[in-house]
Amino acid sequence: MNPRAGLLFIDFDKGDLLYLAVMAGILWDGPELQSFAGAQRLMRFRVQSMRLVESSWPLRWGGAELSPALEGTGAWTQAPC
């Protein structure tokens, strides 16, 4: 109903925050969806604006690890454009 969305990405090493305002769309079928085993839909985002706020997050963590549940889903580099 409303394609506007906001995304927040946190750099846990440096404390930077990246805010994105996007227009979102759902891909229900097509070759892109077929590239990811088990996927029932994909989200596509078109960035409208962004803001980087450096060193604003007070907490710090170690390196991120991918979830083992993602191993069988494929990778964006394998998806048709």
N, C-alpha and C. Protein backbone atom coordinates (compact mmCIF):
# COMPACT_ATOMS: atom_id res chain seq x y z
N MET A 1 0.81 -1.18 0.00
CA MET A 1 0.00 0.00 0.00
C MET A 1 0.86 1.26 0.00
N ASN A 2 1.93 1.26 0.80
CA ASN A 2 2.81 2.42 0.89
C ASN A 2 4.24 1.94 0.69
N PRO A 3 4.88 2.26 -0.42
CA PRO A 3 6.20 1.71 -0.72
C PRO A 3 7.35 2.40 0.02
N ARG A 4 7.08 3.44 0.79
CA ARG A 4 8.16 4.14 1.49
C ARG A 4 8.66 3.30 2.66
N ALA A 5 9.98 3.26 2.81
CA ALA A 5 10.59 2.50 3.91
C ALA A 5 11.86 3.20 4.36
N GLY A 6 12.27 2.88 5.56
CA GLY A 6 13.53 3.39 6.09
C GLY A 6 14.41 2.23 6.53
N LEU A 7 15.69 2.34 6.25
CA LEU A 7 16.65 1.31 6.63
C LEU A 7 17.76 1.95 7.45
N LEU A 8 18.26 1.22 8.43
CA LEU A 8 19.36 1.70 9.26
C LEU A 8 20.46 0.64 9.24
N PHE A 9 21.69 1.07 8.90
CA PHE A 9 22.85 0.19 8.91
C PHE A 9 23.83 0.72 9.95
N ILE A 10 24.28 -0.16 10.83
CA ILE A 10 25.17 0.22 11.93
C ILE A 10 26.55 -0.36 11.69
N ASP A 11 27.58 0.48 11.75
CA ASP A 11 28.97 0.02 11.72
C ASP A 11 29.38 -0.17 13.17
N PHE A 12 29.39 -1.42 13.63
CA PHE A 12 29.64 -1.70 15.03
C PHE A 12 31.09 -1.49 15.42
N ASP A 13 32.01 -1.40 14.46
CA ASP A 13 33.41 -1.13 14.77
C ASP A 13 33.65 0.35 15.03
N LYS A 14 33.11 1.22 14.17
CA LYS A 14 33.37 2.66 14.27
C LYS A 14 32.23 3.45 14.91
N GLY A 15 31.05 2.84 15.04
CA GLY A 15 29.91 3.55 15.63
C GLY A 15 29.18 4.44 14.65
N ASP A 16 29.43 4.28 13.34
CA ASP A 16 28.75 5.08 12.32
C ASP A 16 27.35 4.52 12.07
N LEU A 17 26.41 5.41 11.74
CA LEU A 17 25.05 5.02 11.37
C LEU A 17 24.77 5.52 9.96
N LEU A 18 24.21 4.67 9.12
CA LEU A 18 23.80 5.06 7.78
C LEU A 18 22.29 4.89 7.69
N TYR A 19 21.59 6.00 7.50
CA TYR A 19 20.15 6.01 7.35
C TYR A 19 19.81 6.09 5.87
N LEU A 20 18.90 5.23 5.40
CA LEU A 20 18.45 5.27 4.01
C LEU A 20 16.93 5.42 3.97
N ALA A 21 16.45 6.34 3.16
CA ALA A 21 15.03 6.43 2.84
C ALA A 21 14.87 5.82 1.45
N VAL A 22 14.00 4.83 1.34
CA VAL A 22 13.89 4.07 0.09
C VAL A 22 12.43 3.93 -0.33
N MET A 23 12.27 3.61 -1.61
CA MET A 23 11.00 3.14 -2.14
C MET A 23 11.18 1.63 -2.31
N ALA A 24 10.30 0.86 -1.71
CA ALA A 24 10.44 -0.59 -1.69
C ALA A 24 9.44 -1.24 -2.64
N GLY A 25 9.84 -2.38 -3.17
CA GLY A 25 8.96 -3.18 -4.01
C GLY A 25 9.17 -4.65 -3.70
N ILE A 26 8.13 -5.44 -3.87
CA ILE A 26 8.22 -6.88 -3.64
C ILE A 26 8.23 -7.60 -4.97
N LEU A 27 9.20 -8.49 -5.16
CA LEU A 27 9.26 -9.36 -6.34
C LEU A 27 8.65 -10.70 -5.95
N TRP A 28 7.50 -11.01 -6.52
CA TRP A 28 6.80 -12.24 -6.19
C TRP A 28 7.22 -13.41 -7.07
N ASP A 29 7.73 -13.15 -8.27
CA ASP A 29 8.18 -14.22 -9.16
C ASP A 29 9.18 -13.64 -10.16
N GLY A 30 9.70 -14.51 -11.01
CA GLY A 30 10.66 -14.08 -12.02
C GLY A 30 12.02 -14.71 -11.81
N PRO A 31 12.95 -14.45 -12.74
CA PRO A 31 14.27 -15.09 -12.68
C PRO A 31 15.08 -14.68 -11.45
N GLU A 32 14.90 -13.47 -10.96
CA GLU A 32 15.64 -13.07 -9.77
C GLU A 32 15.28 -13.96 -8.58
N LEU A 33 14.00 -14.25 -8.41
CA LEU A 33 13.53 -15.07 -7.30
C LEU A 33 14.05 -16.51 -7.42
N GLN A 34 14.11 -17.02 -8.65
CA GLN A 34 14.57 -18.38 -8.88
C GLN A 34 16.03 -18.58 -8.48
N SER A 35 16.80 -17.49 -8.40
CA SER A 35 18.22 -17.58 -8.08
C SER A 35 18.49 -17.86 -6.61
N PHE A 36 17.48 -17.75 -5.76
CA PHE A 36 17.66 -17.94 -4.33
C PHE A 36 16.80 -19.10 -3.86
N ALA A 37 17.46 -20.23 -3.60
CA ALA A 37 16.76 -21.46 -3.23
C ALA A 37 15.87 -21.23 -2.01
N GLY A 38 14.61 -21.61 -2.14
CA GLY A 38 13.67 -21.52 -1.03
C GLY A 38 13.03 -20.16 -0.85
N ALA A 39 13.45 -19.14 -1.60
CA ALA A 39 12.88 -17.80 -1.45
C ALA A 39 11.46 -17.77 -2.01
N GLN A 40 10.56 -17.12 -1.29
CA GLN A 40 9.19 -16.97 -1.75
C GLN A 40 8.94 -15.58 -2.31
N ARG A 41 9.81 -14.63 -1.96
CA ARG A 41 9.72 -13.27 -2.50
C ARG A 41 11.04 -12.57 -2.22
N LEU A 42 11.29 -11.49 -2.94
CA LEU A 42 12.47 -10.65 -2.72
C LEU A 42 12.00 -9.21 -2.54
N MET A 43 12.80 -8.44 -1.84
CA MET A 43 12.53 -7.01 -1.70
C MET A 43 13.54 -6.26 -2.56
N ARG A 44 13.06 -5.25 -3.28
CA ARG A 44 13.92 -4.39 -4.08
C ARG A 44 13.76 -2.97 -3.52
N PHE A 45 14.90 -2.31 -3.26
CA PHE A 45 14.89 -0.97 -2.70
C PHE A 45 15.50 0.03 -3.66
N ARG A 46 14.87 1.17 -3.85
CA ARG A 46 15.41 2.27 -4.64
C ARG A 46 15.66 3.43 -3.68
N VAL A 47 16.93 3.78 -3.50
CA VAL A 47 17.33 4.79 -2.51
C VAL A 47 16.87 6.17 -2.96
N GLN A 48 16.17 6.87 -2.06
CA GLN A 48 15.71 8.23 -2.31
C GLN A 48 16.63 9.25 -1.65
N SER A 49 17.08 8.95 -0.44
CA SER A 49 18.02 9.83 0.26
C SER A 49 18.79 9.02 1.30
N MET A 50 19.91 9.57 1.72
CA MET A 50 20.74 8.88 2.71
C MET A 50 21.42 9.89 3.61
N ARG A 51 21.77 9.42 4.81
CA ARG A 51 22.49 10.26 5.76
C ARG A 51 23.45 9.39 6.54
N LEU A 52 24.71 9.80 6.57
CA LEU A 52 25.74 9.11 7.34
C LEU A 52 26.04 9.95 8.57
N VAL A 53 25.91 9.35 9.75
CA VAL A 53 26.23 10.02 11.00
C VAL A 53 27.41 9.25 11.60
N GLU A 54 28.56 9.89 11.63
CA GLU A 54 29.78 9.21 12.07
C GLU A 54 29.92 9.22 13.59
N SER A 55 30.42 8.11 14.12
CA SER A 55 30.76 7.94 15.54
C SER A 55 29.62 8.30 16.48
N SER A 56 28.39 7.95 16.12
CA SER A 56 27.26 8.31 16.98
C SER A 56 26.73 7.14 17.81
N TRP A 57 27.09 5.94 17.45
CA TRP A 57 26.62 4.76 18.19
C TRP A 57 27.62 4.46 19.29
N PRO A 58 27.22 4.52 20.57
CA PRO A 58 28.18 4.37 21.67
C PRO A 58 28.66 2.95 21.92
N LEU A 59 27.94 1.95 21.41
CA LEU A 59 28.29 0.56 21.69
C LEU A 59 29.17 -0.01 20.57
N ARG A 60 30.04 -0.94 20.93
CA ARG A 60 30.93 -1.57 19.95
C ARG A 60 30.84 -3.09 20.11
N TRP A 61 30.93 -3.81 18.98
CA TRP A 61 30.91 -5.27 18.97
C TRP A 61 32.05 -5.77 18.10
N GLY A 62 32.25 -7.09 18.13
CA GLY A 62 33.24 -7.72 17.27
C GLY A 62 32.67 -7.93 15.87
N GLY A 63 33.41 -8.67 15.08
CA GLY A 63 33.03 -8.90 13.70
C GLY A 63 31.71 -9.64 13.55
N ALA A 64 30.96 -9.31 12.53
CA ALA A 64 29.68 -9.96 12.25
C ALA A 64 29.91 -11.30 11.58
N GLU A 65 28.99 -12.22 11.78
CA GLU A 65 29.05 -13.53 11.15
C GLU A 65 27.73 -13.78 10.43
N LEU A 66 27.79 -14.42 9.27
CA LEU A 66 26.58 -14.77 8.54
C LEU A 66 25.86 -15.92 9.24
N SER A 67 24.55 -15.90 9.17
CA SER A 67 23.74 -16.97 9.74
C SER A 67 23.95 -18.25 8.93
N PRO A 68 24.08 -19.40 9.60
CA PRO A 68 24.18 -20.66 8.86
C PRO A 68 22.95 -20.94 8.02
N ALA A 69 21.81 -20.35 8.36
CA ALA A 69 20.57 -20.56 7.60
C ALA A 69 20.66 -19.97 6.20
N LEU A 70 21.62 -19.09 5.94
CA LEU A 70 21.75 -18.45 4.63
C LEU A 70 22.58 -19.25 3.64
N GLU A 71 23.24 -20.29 4.08
CA GLU A 71 24.16 -21.04 3.22
C GLU A 71 23.51 -21.59 1.96
N GLY A 72 22.26 -22.04 2.04
CA GLY A 72 21.61 -22.66 0.89
C GLY A 72 20.82 -21.71 0.02
N THR A 73 20.87 -20.40 0.28
CA THR A 73 20.00 -19.48 -0.46
C THR A 73 20.66 -18.87 -1.68
N GLY A 74 21.93 -19.06 -1.87
CA GLY A 74 22.61 -18.45 -3.01
C GLY A 74 23.19 -17.10 -2.66
N ALA A 75 23.68 -16.39 -3.67
CA ALA A 75 24.32 -15.09 -3.46
C ALA A 75 23.88 -14.13 -4.53
N TRP A 76 23.93 -12.81 -4.22
CA TRP A 76 23.53 -11.81 -5.20
C TRP A 76 24.38 -11.86 -6.46
N THR A 77 25.64 -12.27 -6.33
CA THR A 77 26.51 -12.33 -7.50
C THR A 77 26.03 -13.39 -8.49
N GLN A 78 25.21 -14.33 -8.04
CA GLN A 78 24.70 -15.38 -8.91
C GLN A 78 23.35 -15.02 -9.51
N ALA A 79 22.71 -13.97 -9.05
CA ALA A 79 21.37 -13.60 -9.52
C ALA A 79 21.45 -12.89 -10.87
N PRO A 80 20.52 -13.17 -11.78
CA PRO A 80 20.50 -12.46 -13.05
C PRO A 80 20.11 -10.99 -12.83
N CYS A 81 20.67 -10.10 -13.60
CA CYS A 81 20.36 -8.67 -13.45
C CYS A 81 19.13 -8.29 -14.20
